[in-house]
Structures are given as C-alpha cells and as structure tokens.
Amino acid sequence: MKILGVEYDPLTGVKTTYGAEDGKMIVKTEQDVAPHLDYTQALRNDPDYAKRGIKQNFQHVGHIPNSVVAKMLTEDGFDVMRFPAREVVKFLRKNWDKYGKLIVTASGRI
C-alpha cells in the first residue's frame, strides 16, 4: 500500500493513515486505548467521583474511546449514540469480556 498521508489527533490518540492500492483508497484508523482504560479504572475506583456526580445530577456510566465506538458499530451493530445510558450499560454488561472495562460505575449499574 502506498501511504498518501497520516493524521494524528493528540486529544483522542487516533491515528488515521490514508493510502492507495490497486486503484482503491484505503483508510486505516488506530487508537491506543490503554490510557483510556487506565482512566476508566481510576474513575471506577474513586468513590467520591460517583458521589460528586450524583449530587450534580450526573452519572458517568462509561468511557468509550472513538475506536471502540466504531468497533461496536461495525462488529456488533450497536450504535452507542442512538441509545440511552441504561441501554449502553446493558450492552456493555452483556458483552462483559469484550467491553466490561469501559464501565465507569463501580457496580456497572445505573
């Protein structure tokens, strides 16, 4: 594949590579999700984080990186942007082995 360009977004950690091969345009997207998983674990283990959120009428139920949102849509047919938080958490719990580490709430419930 001939590389035509590479873009990197430092805010999200998403690297997009554009290339061409056999007359076709190829777009490859990569993201290191390890920092996101560490962040989610820190939030989940902080009892004050949940308490502060509840006091402000806010419940942070999941932290899902962009690349995982795309993976959920392409591999599982689940679009996190179209469902309420309860349904997203239900989906994450149902697919615990694949997505369970993305849940922020300690109990995994809302």
PDB file of N, CA and C in Angstrom:
ATOM      1  N   MET A   1       0.838  -1.175   0.000  1.00  0.00           N
ATOM      2  CA  MET A   1       0.000   0.000   0.000  1.00  0.00           C
ATOM      3  C   MET A   1       0.890   1.248   0.000  1.00  0.00           C
ATOM      4  N   LYS A   2       0.587   2.163  -0.874  1.00  0.00           N
ATOM      5  CA  LYS A   2       1.304   3.431  -0.931  1.00  0.00           C
ATOM      6  C   LYS A   2       0.628   4.402   0.045  1.00  0.00           C
ATOM      7  N   ILE A   3       1.403   4.901   1.007  1.00  0.00           N
ATOM      8  CA  ILE A   3       0.881   5.834   2.007  1.00  0.00           C
ATOM      9  C   ILE A   3       0.765   7.221   1.382  1.00  0.00           C
ATOM     10  N   LEU A   4      -0.451   7.788   1.470  1.00  0.00           N
ATOM     11  CA  LEU A   4      -0.701   9.129   0.929  1.00  0.00           C
ATOM     12  C   LEU A   4      -0.640  10.199   2.008  1.00  0.00           C
ATOM     13  N   GLY A   5      -0.931   9.798   3.226  1.00  0.00           N
ATOM     14  CA  GLY A   5      -0.905  10.769   4.309  1.00  0.00           C
ATOM     15  C   GLY A   5      -1.247  10.122   5.636  1.00  0.00           C
ATOM     16  N   VAL A   6      -0.826  10.782   6.704  1.00  0.00           N
ATOM     17  CA  VAL A   6      -1.099  10.303   8.052  1.00  0.00           C
ATOM     18  C   VAL A   6      -1.531  11.499   8.886  1.00  0.00           C
ATOM     19  N   GLU A   7      -2.604  11.314   9.660  1.00  0.00           N
ATOM     20  CA  GLU A   7      -3.071  12.347  10.587  1.00  0.00           C
ATOM     21  C   GLU A   7      -3.074  11.769  11.989  1.00  0.00           C
ATOM     22  N   TYR A   8      -2.733  12.598  12.961  1.00  0.00           N
ATOM     23  CA  TYR A   8      -2.758  12.157  14.353  1.00  0.00           C
ATOM     24  C   TYR A   8      -3.460  13.210  15.185  1.00  0.00           C
ATOM     25  N   ASP A   9      -4.427  12.790  15.998  1.00  0.00           N
ATOM     26  CA  ASP A   9      -5.139  13.691  16.895  1.00  0.00           C
ATOM     27  C   ASP A   9      -4.643  13.425  18.317  1.00  0.00           C
ATOM     28  N   PRO A  10      -3.832  14.313  18.871  1.00  0.00           N
ATOM     29  CA  PRO A  10      -3.274  14.068  20.204  1.00  0.00           C
ATOM     30  C   PRO A  10      -4.332  14.052  21.304  1.00  0.00           C
ATOM     31  N   LEU A  11      -5.457  14.706  21.088  1.00  0.00           N
ATOM     32  CA  LEU A  11      -6.514  14.725  22.091  1.00  0.00           C
ATOM     33  C   LEU A  11      -7.133  13.343  22.271  1.00  0.00           C
ATOM     34  N   THR A  12      -7.407  12.654  21.177  1.00  0.00           N
ATOM     35  CA  THR A  12      -8.049  11.334  21.239  1.00  0.00           C
ATOM     36  C   THR A  12      -7.062  10.191  21.091  1.00  0.00           C
ATOM     37  N   GLY A  13      -5.865  10.469  20.577  1.00  0.00           N
ATOM     38  CA  GLY A  13      -4.892   9.417  20.335  1.00  0.00           C
ATOM     39  C   GLY A  13      -5.185   8.619  19.075  1.00  0.00           C
ATOM     40  N   VAL A  14      -6.040   9.165  18.211  1.00  0.00           N
ATOM     41  CA  VAL A  14      -6.416   8.467  16.981  1.00  0.00           C
ATOM     42  C   VAL A  14      -5.436   8.816  15.861  1.00  0.00           C
ATOM     43  N   LYS A  15      -4.907   7.777  15.234  1.00  0.00           N
ATOM     44  CA  LYS A  15      -4.004   7.931  14.089  1.00  0.00           C
ATOM     45  C   LYS A  15      -4.739   7.390  12.862  1.00  0.00           C
ATOM     46  N   THR A  16      -4.852   8.214  11.834  1.00  0.00           N
ATOM     47  CA  THR A  16      -5.513   7.818  10.601  1.00  0.00           C
ATOM     48  C   THR A  16      -4.500   7.840   9.472  1.00  0.00           C
ATOM     49  N   THR A  17      -4.389   6.708   8.799  1.00  0.00           N
ATOM     50  CA  THR A  17      -3.465   6.565   7.677  1.00  0.00           C
ATOM     51  C   THR A  17      -4.265   6.425   6.392  1.00  0.00           C
ATOM     52  N   TYR A  18      -3.920   7.229   5.395  1.00  0.00           N
ATOM     53  CA  TYR A  18      -4.580   7.183   4.091  1.00  0.00           C
ATOM     54  C   TYR A  18      -3.610   6.586   3.089  1.00  0.00           C
ATOM     55  N   GLY A  19      -4.122   5.651   2.300  1.00  0.00           N
ATOM     56  CA  GLY A  19      -3.265   5.017   1.328  1.00  0.00           C
ATOM     57  C   GLY A  19      -4.036   4.588   0.097  1.00  0.00           C
ATOM     58  N   ALA A  20      -3.304   4.071  -0.873  1.00  0.00           N
ATOM     59  CA  ALA A  20      -3.919   3.584  -2.109  1.00  0.00           C
ATOM     60  C   ALA A  20      -3.256   2.281  -2.510  1.00  0.00           C
ATOM     61  N   GLU A  21      -4.083   1.382  -3.053  1.00  0.00           N
ATOM     62  CA  GLU A  21      -3.582   0.099  -3.518  1.00  0.00           C
ATOM     63  C   GLU A  21      -4.567  -0.462  -4.541  1.00  0.00           C
ATOM     64  N   ASP A  22      -4.057  -0.877  -5.672  1.00  0.00           N
ATOM     65  CA  ASP A  22      -4.893  -1.446  -6.742  1.00  0.00           C
ATOM     66  C   ASP A  22      -6.048  -0.522  -7.125  1.00  0.00           C
ATOM     67  N   GLY A  23      -5.781   0.780  -7.148  1.00  0.00           N
ATOM     68  CA  GLY A  23      -6.800   1.748  -7.542  1.00  0.00           C
ATOM     69  C   GLY A  23      -7.863   2.010  -6.487  1.00  0.00           C
ATOM     70  N   LYS A  24      -7.652   1.544  -5.285  1.00  0.00           N
ATOM     71  CA  LYS A  24      -8.617   1.730  -4.204  1.00  0.00           C
ATOM     72  C   LYS A  24      -8.016   2.591  -3.110  1.00  0.00           C
ATOM     73  N   MET A  25      -8.863   3.438  -2.532  1.00  0.00           N
ATOM     74  CA  MET A  25      -8.458   4.263  -1.398  1.00  0.00           C
ATOM     75  C   MET A  25      -8.622   3.431  -0.134  1.00  0.00           C
ATOM     76  N   ILE A  26      -7.612   3.426   0.721  1.00  0.00           N
ATOM     77  CA  ILE A  26      -7.649   2.671   1.969  1.00  0.00           C
ATOM     78  C   ILE A  26      -7.434   3.641   3.124  1.00  0.00           C
ATOM     79  N   VAL A  27      -8.335   3.565   4.102  1.00  0.00           N
ATOM     80  CA  VAL A  27      -8.231   4.400   5.290  1.00  0.00           C
ATOM     81  C   VAL A  27      -8.132   3.459   6.489  1.00  0.00           C
ATOM     82  N   LYS A  28      -7.053   3.610   7.250  1.00  0.00           N
ATOM     83  CA  LYS A  28      -6.826   2.768   8.421  1.00  0.00           C
ATOM     84  C   LYS A  28      -6.790   3.660   9.652  1.00  0.00           C
ATOM     85  N   THR A  29      -7.592   3.311  10.642  1.00  0.00           N
ATOM     86  CA  THR A  29      -7.661   4.095  11.870  1.00  0.00           C
ATOM     87  C   THR A  29      -7.186   3.245  13.035  1.00  0.00           C
ATOM     88  N   GLU A  30      -6.313   3.826  13.854  1.00  0.00           N
ATOM     89  CA  GLU A  30      -5.766   3.130  15.015  1.00  0.00           C
ATOM     90  C   GLU A  30      -5.867   4.041  16.227  1.00  0.00           C
ATOM     91  N   GLN A  31      -6.037   3.428  17.400  1.00  0.00           N
ATOM     92  CA  GLN A  31      -6.055   4.196  18.632  1.00  0.00           C
ATOM     93  C   GLN A  31      -5.524   3.331  19.768  1.00  0.00           C
ATOM     94  N   ASP A  32      -4.597   3.878  20.534  1.00  0.00           N
ATOM     95  CA  ASP A  32      -4.110   3.187  21.723  1.00  0.00           C
ATOM     96  C   ASP A  32      -5.116   3.452  22.833  1.00  0.00           C
ATOM     97  N   VAL A  33      -5.851   2.422  23.239  1.00  0.00           N
ATOM     98  CA  VAL A  33      -6.908   2.609  24.234  1.00  0.00           C
ATOM     99  C   VAL A  33      -6.412   2.392  25.668  1.00  0.00           C
ATOM    100  N   ALA A  34      -5.166   1.978  25.847  1.00  0.00           N
ATOM    101  CA  ALA A  34      -4.643   1.722  27.195  1.00  0.00           C
ATOM    102  C   ALA A  34      -4.808   2.923  28.130  1.00  0.00           C
ATOM    103  N   PRO A  35      -4.485   4.155  27.710  1.00  0.00           N
ATOM    104  CA  PRO A  35      -4.687   5.294  28.613  1.00  0.00           C
ATOM    105  C   PRO A  35      -6.164   5.480  28.981  1.00  0.00           C
ATOM    106  N   HIS A  36      -7.052   5.190  28.055  1.00  0.00           N
ATOM    107  CA  HIS A  36      -8.489   5.308  28.326  1.00  0.00           C
ATOM    108  C   HIS A  36      -8.932   4.270  29.356  1.00  0.00           C
ATOM    109  N   LEU A  37      -8.404   3.054  29.251  1.00  0.00           N
ATOM    110  CA  LEU A  37      -8.753   2.008  30.210  1.00  0.00           C
ATOM    111  C   LEU A  37      -8.205   2.338  31.597  1.00  0.00           C
ATOM    112  N   ASP A  38      -7.008   2.900  31.662  1.00  0.00           N
ATOM    113  CA  ASP A  38      -6.440   3.317  32.948  1.00  0.00           C
ATOM    114  C   ASP A  38      -7.293   4.418  33.569  1.00  0.00           C
ATOM    115  N   TYR A  39      -7.705   5.366  32.751  1.00  0.00           N
ATOM    116  CA  TYR A  39      -8.548   6.472  33.212  1.00  0.00           C
ATOM    117  C   TYR A  39      -9.882   5.941  33.743  1.00  0.00           C
ATOM    118  N   THR A  40     -10.499   5.032  33.010  1.00  0.00           N
ATOM    119  CA  THR A  40     -11.780   4.460  33.419  1.00  0.00           C
ATOM    120  C   THR A  40     -11.636   3.716  34.738  1.00  0.00           C
ATOM    121  N   GLN A  41     -10.573   2.961  34.884  1.00  0.00           N
ATOM    122  CA  GLN A  41     -10.355   2.220  36.120  1.00  0.00           C
ATOM    123  C   GLN A  41     -10.172   3.166  37.303  1.00  0.00           C
ATOM    124  N   ALA A  42      -9.451   4.249  37.092  1.00  0.00           N
ATOM    125  CA  ALA A  42      -9.250   5.233  38.160  1.00  0.00           C
ATOM    126  C   ALA A  42     -10.575   5.851  38.583  1.00  0.00           C
ATOM    127  N   LEU A  43     -11.431   6.177  37.614  1.00  0.00           N
ATOM    128  CA  LEU A  43     -12.744   6.733  37.939  1.00  0.00           C
ATOM    129  C   LEU A  43     -13.600   5.713  38.687  1.00  0.00           C
ATOM    130  N   ARG A  44     -13.580   4.474  38.220  1.00  0.00           N
ATOM    131  CA  ARG A  44     -14.380   3.410  38.833  1.00  0.00           C
ATOM    132  C   ARG A  44     -13.955   3.158  40.273  1.00  0.00           C
ATOM    133  N   ASN A  45     -12.675   3.298  40.557  1.00  0.00           N
ATOM    134  CA  ASN A  45     -12.159   3.034  41.898  1.00  0.00           C
ATOM    135  C   ASN A  45     -12.222   4.240  42.828  1.00  0.00           C
ATOM    136  N   ASP A  46     -12.697   5.366  42.344  1.00  0.00           N
ATOM    137  CA  ASP A  46     -12.790   6.585  43.150  1.00  0.00           C
ATOM    138  C   ASP A  46     -14.226   6.758  43.652  1.00  0.00           C
ATOM    139  N   PRO A  47     -14.505   6.421  44.911  1.00  0.00           N
ATOM    140  CA  PRO A  47     -15.881   6.503  45.412  1.00  0.00           C
ATOM    141  C   PRO A  47     -16.424   7.940  45.422  1.00  0.00           C
ATOM    142  N   ASP A  48     -15.548   8.907  45.571  1.00  0.00           N
ATOM    143  CA  ASP A  48     -16.000  10.300  45.586  1.00  0.00           C
ATOM    144  C   ASP A  48     -16.455  10.773  44.213  1.00  0.00           C
ATOM    145  N   TYR A  49     -15.901  10.185  43.150  1.00  0.00           N
ATOM    146  CA  TYR A  49     -16.284  10.595  41.799  1.00  0.00           C
ATOM    147  C   TYR A  49     -17.768  10.333  41.566  1.00  0.00           C
ATOM    148  N   ALA A  50     -18.223   9.155  41.928  1.00  0.00           N
ATOM    149  CA  ALA A  50     -19.641   8.812  41.750  1.00  0.00           C
ATOM    150  C   ALA A  50     -20.517   9.696  42.627  1.00  0.00           C
ATOM    151  N   LYS A  51     -20.116   9.916  43.863  1.00  0.00           N
ATOM    152  CA  LYS A  51     -20.905  10.742  44.786  1.00  0.00           C
ATOM    153  C   LYS A  51     -21.048  12.167  44.266  1.00  0.00           C
ATOM    154  N   ARG A  52     -19.936  12.733  43.777  1.00  0.00           N
ATOM    155  CA  ARG A  52     -19.985  14.103  43.240  1.00  0.00           C
ATOM    156  C   ARG A  52     -20.921  14.166  42.038  1.00  0.00           C
ATOM    157  N   GLY A  53     -20.862  13.163  41.193  1.00  0.00           N
ATOM    158  CA  GLY A  53     -21.727  13.139  40.015  1.00  0.00           C
ATOM    159  C   GLY A  53     -23.197  13.070  40.378  1.00  0.00           C
ATOM    160  N   ILE A  54     -23.528  12.214  41.324  1.00  0.00           N
ATOM    161  CA  ILE A  54     -24.921  12.053  41.733  1.00  0.00           C
ATOM    162  C   ILE A  54     -25.436  13.354  42.338  1.00  0.00           C
ATOM    163  N   LYS A  55     -24.617  14.030  43.135  1.00  0.00           N
ATOM    164  CA  LYS A  55     -25.020  15.305  43.738  1.00  0.00           C
ATOM    165  C   LYS A  55     -25.306  16.359  42.674  1.00  0.00           C
ATOM    166  N   GLN A  56     -24.639  16.256  41.530  1.00  0.00           N
ATOM    167  CA  GLN A  56     -24.823  17.224  40.453  1.00  0.00           C
ATOM    168  C   GLN A  56     -25.784  16.715  39.383  1.00  0.00           C
ATOM    169  N   ASN A  57     -26.542  15.664  39.716  1.00  0.00           N
ATOM    170  CA  ASN A  57     -27.496  15.083  38.764  1.00  0.00           C
ATOM    171  C   ASN A  57     -26.802  14.541  37.519  1.00  0.00           C
ATOM    172  N   PHE A  58     -25.655  13.928  37.719  1.00  0.00           N
ATOM    173  CA  PHE A  58     -24.857  13.405  36.614  1.00  0.00           C
ATOM    174  C   PHE A  58     -24.315  12.041  36.991  1.00  0.00           C
ATOM    175  N   GLN A  59     -24.473  11.081  36.122  1.00  0.00           N
ATOM    176  CA  GLN A  59     -23.906   9.757  36.365  1.00  0.00           C
ATOM    177  C   GLN A  59     -23.084   9.349  35.158  1.00  0.00           C
ATOM    178  N   HIS A  60     -21.782   9.320  35.304  1.00  0.00           N
ATOM    179  CA  HIS A  60     -20.868   8.928  34.237  1.00  0.00           C
ATOM    180  C   HIS A  60     -20.816   7.400  34.231  1.00  0.00           C
ATOM    181  N   VAL A  61     -21.477   6.777  33.274  1.00  0.00           N
ATOM    182  CA  VAL A  61     -21.605   5.321  33.288  1.00  0.00           C
ATOM    183  C   VAL A  61     -20.533   4.601  32.475  1.00  0.00           C
ATOM    184  N   GLY A  62     -19.989   5.257  31.468  1.00  0.00           N
ATOM    185  CA  GLY A  62     -18.993   4.594  30.643  1.00  0.00           C
ATOM    186  C   GLY A  62     -18.096   5.586  29.938  1.00  0.00           C
ATOM    187  N   HIS A  63     -16.888   5.144  29.672  1.00  0.00           N
ATOM    188  CA  HIS A  63     -15.923   5.960  28.922  1.00  0.00           C
ATOM    189  C   HIS A  63     -15.493   5.109  27.734  1.00  0.00           C
ATOM    190  N   ILE A  64     -15.998   5.466  26.553  1.00  0.00           N
ATOM    191  CA  ILE A  64     -15.788   4.634  25.376  1.00  0.00           C
ATOM    192  C   ILE A  64     -14.964   5.401  24.344  1.00  0.00           C
ATOM    193  N   PRO A  65     -13.726   4.967  24.087  1.00  0.00           N
ATOM    194  CA  PRO A  65     -12.886   5.630  23.084  1.00  0.00           C
ATOM    195  C   PRO A  65     -13.502   5.550  21.684  1.00  0.00           C
ATOM    196  N   ASN A  66     -13.149   6.505  20.838  1.00  0.00           N
ATOM    197  CA  ASN A  66     -13.701   6.583  19.483  1.00  0.00           C
ATOM    198  C   ASN A  66     -13.540   5.289  18.698  1.00  0.00           C
ATOM    199  N   SER A  67     -12.377   4.687  18.779  1.00  0.00           N
ATOM    200  CA  SER A  67     -12.143   3.469  18.005  1.00  0.00           C
ATOM    201  C   SER A  67     -13.034   2.324  18.479  1.00  0.00           C
ATOM    202  N   VAL A  68     -13.356   2.313  19.765  1.00  0.00           N
ATOM    203  CA  VAL A  68     -14.232   1.266  20.290  1.00  0.00           C
ATOM    204  C   VAL A  68     -15.674   1.519  19.863  1.00  0.00           C
ATOM    205  N   VAL A  69     -16.076   2.782  19.795  1.00  0.00           N
ATOM    206  CA  VAL A  69     -17.405   3.120  19.277  1.00  0.00           C
ATOM    207  C   VAL A  69     -17.538   2.585  17.852  1.00  0.00           C
ATOM    208  N   ALA A  70     -16.510   2.797  17.041  1.00  0.00           N
ATOM    209  CA  ALA A  70     -16.528   2.300  15.656  1.00  0.00           C
ATOM    210  C   ALA A  70     -16.548   0.776  15.628  1.00  0.00           C
ATOM    211  N   LYS A  71     -15.797   0.145  16.508  1.00  0.00           N
ATOM    212  CA  LYS A  71     -15.762  -1.320  16.573  1.00  0.00           C
ATOM    213  C   LYS A  71     -17.135  -1.873  16.955  1.00  0.00           C
ATOM    214  N   MET A  72     -17.774  -1.253  17.938  1.00  0.00           N
ATOM    215  CA  MET A  72     -19.106  -1.695  18.357  1.00  0.00           C
ATOM    216  C   MET A  72     -20.097  -1.621  17.198  1.00  0.00           C
ATOM    217  N   LEU A  73     -19.995  -0.554  16.443  1.00  0.00           N
ATOM    218  CA  LEU A  73     -20.917  -0.361  15.322  1.00  0.00           C
ATOM    219  C   LEU A  73     -20.655  -1.369  14.208  1.00  0.00           C
ATOM    220  N   THR A  74     -19.392  -1.564  13.846  1.00  0.00           N
ATOM    221  CA  THR A  74     -19.084  -2.450  12.716  1.00  0.00           C
ATOM    222  C   THR A  74     -19.156  -3.930  13.079  1.00  0.00           C
ATOM    223  N   GLU A  75     -18.690  -4.285  14.267  1.00  0.00           N
ATOM    224  CA  GLU A  75     -18.668  -5.702  14.640  1.00  0.00           C
ATOM    225  C   GLU A  75     -19.947  -6.190  15.303  1.00  0.00           C
ATOM    226  N   ASP A  76     -20.591  -5.299  16.071  1.00  0.00           N
ATOM    227  CA  ASP A  76     -21.754  -5.727  16.848  1.00  0.00           C
ATOM    228  C   ASP A  76     -23.063  -5.087  16.383  1.00  0.00           C
ATOM    229  N   GLY A  77     -22.969  -4.089  15.507  1.00  0.00           N
ATOM    230  CA  GLY A  77     -24.179  -3.411  15.036  1.00  0.00           C
ATOM    231  C   GLY A  77     -24.824  -2.550  16.104  1.00  0.00           C
ATOM    232  N   PHE A  78     -24.060  -2.159  17.131  1.00  0.00           N
ATOM    233  CA  PHE A  78     -24.592  -1.355  18.233  1.00  0.00           C
ATOM    234  C   PHE A  78     -24.040   0.057  18.130  1.00  0.00           C
ATOM    235  N   ASP A  79     -24.946   1.039  18.007  1.00  0.00           N
ATOM    236  CA  ASP A  79     -24.551   2.439  17.890  1.00  0.00           C
ATOM    237  C   ASP A  79     -24.808   3.128  19.223  1.00  0.00           C
ATOM    238  N   VAL A  80     -23.747   3.383  19.986  1.00  0.00           N
ATOM    239  CA  VAL A  80     -23.890   3.971  21.324  1.00  0.00           C
ATOM    240  C   VAL A  80     -24.526   5.358  21.296  1.00  0.00           C
ATOM    241  N   MET A  81     -24.490   6.024  20.162  1.00  0.00           N
ATOM    242  CA  MET A  81     -25.050   7.375  20.070  1.00  0.00           C
ATOM    243  C   MET A  81     -26.574   7.375  19.945  1.00  0.00           C
ATOM    244  N   ARG A  82     -27.154   6.234  19.672  1.00  0.00           N
ATOM    245  CA  ARG A  82     -28.594   6.153  19.450  1.00  0.00           C
ATOM    246  C   ARG A  82     -29.371   5.600  20.642  1.00  0.00           C
ATOM    247  N   PHE A  83     -28.676   5.231  21.710  1.00  0.00           N
ATOM    248  CA  PHE A  83     -29.348   4.602  22.837  1.00  0.00           C
ATOM    249  C   PHE A  83     -29.137   5.398  24.118  1.00  0.00           C
ATOM    250  N   PRO A  84     -30.110   5.332  25.048  1.00  0.00           N
ATOM    251  CA  PRO A  84     -29.919   5.982  26.347  1.00  0.00           C
ATOM    252  C   PRO A  84     -28.860   5.236  27.167  1.00  0.00           C
ATOM    253  N   ALA A  85     -28.374   5.890  28.199  1.00  0.00           N
ATOM    254  CA  ALA A  85     -27.292   5.343  29.021  1.00  0.00           C
ATOM    255  C   ALA A  85     -27.601   3.954  29.557  1.00  0.00           C
ATOM    256  N   ARG A  86     -28.829   3.722  29.985  1.00  0.00           N
ATOM    257  CA  ARG A  86     -29.191   2.402  30.528  1.00  0.00           C
ATOM    258  C   ARG A  86     -28.971   1.295  29.506  1.00  0.00           C
ATOM    259  N   GLU A  87     -29.316   1.563  28.251  1.00  0.00           N
ATOM    260  CA  GLU A  87     -29.144   0.560  27.199  1.00  0.00           C
ATOM    261  C   GLU A  87     -27.664   0.349  26.865  1.00  0.00           C
ATOM    262  N   VAL A  88     -26.889   1.423  26.927  1.00  0.00           N
ATOM    263  CA  VAL A  88     -25.447   1.301  26.666  1.00  0.00           C
ATOM    264  C   VAL A  88     -24.809   0.433  27.745  1.00  0.00           C
ATOM    265  N   VAL A  89     -25.128   0.699  29.010  1.00  0.00           N
ATOM    266  CA  VAL A  89     -24.574  -0.104  30.102  1.00  0.00           C
ATOM    267  C   VAL A  89     -25.036  -1.554  29.983  1.00  0.00           C
ATOM    268  N   LYS A  90     -26.296  -1.752  29.632  1.00  0.00           N
ATOM    269  CA  LYS A  90     -26.813  -3.114  29.437  1.00  0.00           C
ATOM    270  C   LYS A  90     -26.007  -3.847  28.361  1.00  0.00           C
ATOM    271  N   PHE A  91     -25.704  -3.152  27.270  1.00  0.00           N
ATOM    272  CA  PHE A  91     -24.903  -3.734  26.192  1.00  0.00           C
ATOM    273  C   PHE A  91     -23.486  -4.047  26.678  1.00  0.00           C
ATOM    274  N   LEU A  92     -22.873  -3.112  27.418  1.00  0.00           N
ATOM    275  CA  LEU A  92     -21.519  -3.324  27.933  1.00  0.00           C
ATOM    276  C   LEU A  92     -21.477  -4.526  28.878  1.00  0.00           C
ATOM    277  N   ARG A  93     -22.496  -4.643  29.745  1.00  0.00           N
ATOM    278  CA  ARG A  93     -22.542  -5.768  30.686  1.00  0.00           C
ATOM    279  C   ARG A  93     -22.787  -7.091  29.953  1.00  0.00           C
ATOM    280  N   LYS A  94     -23.641  -7.056  28.945  1.00  0.00           N
ATOM    281  CA  LYS A  94     -23.932  -8.261  28.161  1.00  0.00           C
ATOM    282  C   LYS A  94     -22.667  -8.761  27.460  1.00  0.00           C
ATOM    283  N   ASN A  95     -21.825  -7.837  27.053  1.00  0.00           N
ATOM    284  CA  ASN A  95     -20.572  -8.151  26.360  1.00  0.00           C
ATOM    285  C   ASN A  95     -19.384  -7.878  27.278  1.00  0.00           C
ATOM    286  N   TRP A  96     -19.488  -8.335  28.508  1.00  0.00           N
ATOM    287  CA  TRP A  96     -18.516  -8.028  29.563  1.00  0.00           C
ATOM    288  C   TRP A  96     -17.077  -8.361  29.169  1.00  0.00           C
ATOM    289  N   ASP A  97     -16.857  -9.535  28.589  1.00  0.00           N
ATOM    290  CA  ASP A  97     -15.495  -9.931  28.233  1.00  0.00           C
ATOM    291  C   ASP A  97     -14.857  -8.981  27.225  1.00  0.00           C
ATOM    292  N   LYS A  98     -15.684  -8.406  26.375  1.00  0.00           N
ATOM    293  CA  LYS A  98     -15.194  -7.539  25.310  1.00  0.00           C
ATOM    294  C   LYS A  98     -15.148  -6.069  25.733  1.00  0.00           C
ATOM    295  N   TYR A  99     -16.172  -5.619  26.502  1.00  0.00           N
ATOM    296  CA  TYR A  99     -16.310  -4.190  26.784  1.00  0.00           C
ATOM    297  C   TYR A  99     -16.482  -3.831  28.263  1.00  0.00           C
ATOM    298  N   GLY A 100     -16.404  -4.775  29.151  1.00  0.00           N
ATOM    299  CA  GLY A 100     -16.679  -4.529  30.560  1.00  0.00           C
ATOM    300  C   GLY A 100     -15.778  -3.490  31.218  1.00  0.00           C
ATOM    301  N   LYS A 101     -14.543  -3.384  30.743  1.00  0.00           N
ATOM    302  CA  LYS A 101     -13.602  -2.428  31.354  1.00  0.00           C
ATOM    303  C   LYS A 101     -13.934  -0.981  31.013  1.00  0.00           C
ATOM    304  N   LEU A 102     -14.934  -0.769  30.167  1.00  0.00           N
ATOM    305  CA  LEU A 102     -15.316   0.592  29.786  1.00  0.00           C
ATOM    306  C   LEU A 102     -16.350   1.189  30.736  1.00  0.00           C
ATOM    307  N   ILE A 103     -16.904   0.370  31.630  1.00  0.00           N
ATOM    308  CA  ILE A 103     -17.920   0.845  32.576  1.00  0.00           C
ATOM    309  C   ILE A 103     -17.233   1.629  33.683  1.00  0.00           C
ATOM    310  N   VAL A 104     -17.756   2.809  33.966  1.00  0.00           N
ATOM    311  CA  VAL A 104     -17.169   3.680  34.983  1.00  0.00           C
ATOM    312  C   VAL A 104     -17.782   3.429  36.359  1.00  0.00           C
ATOM    313  N   THR A 105     -19.096   3.163  36.412  1.00  0.00           N
ATOM    314  CA  THR A 105     -19.746   2.962  37.703  1.00  0.00           C
ATOM    315  C   THR A 105     -19.233   1.682  38.343  1.00  0.00           C
ATOM    316  N   ALA A 106     -18.999   1.723  39.647  1.00  0.00           N
ATOM    317  CA  ALA A 106     -18.422   0.578  40.358  1.00  0.00           C
ATOM    318  C   ALA A 106     -19.287  -0.670  40.228  1.00  0.00           C
ATOM    319  N   SER A 107     -20.593  -0.498  40.267  1.00  0.00           N
ATOM    320  CA  SER A 107     -21.489  -1.650  40.200  1.00  0.00           C
ATOM    321  C   SER A 107     -21.819  -2.017  38.755  1.00  0.00           C
ATOM    322  N   GLY A 108     -21.535  -1.128  37.835  1.00  0.00           N
ATOM    323  CA  GLY A 108     -21.900  -1.371  36.442  1.00  0.00           C
ATOM    324  C   GLY A 108     -23.382  -1.176  36.194  1.00  0.00           C
ATOM    325  N   ARG A 109     -24.038  -0.505  37.129  1.00  0.00           N
ATOM    326  CA  ARG A 109     -25.490  -0.267  37.001  1.00  0.00           C
ATOM    327  C   ARG A 109     -25.788   1.209  37.125  1.00  0.00           C
ATOM    328  N   ILE A 110     -26.933   1.566  36.557  1.00  0.00           N
ATOM    329  CA  ILE A 110     -27.425   2.936  36.771  1.00  0.00           C
ATOM    330  C   ILE A 110     -28.889   2.852  37.108  1.00  0.00           C
TER     331      ILE A 110
END
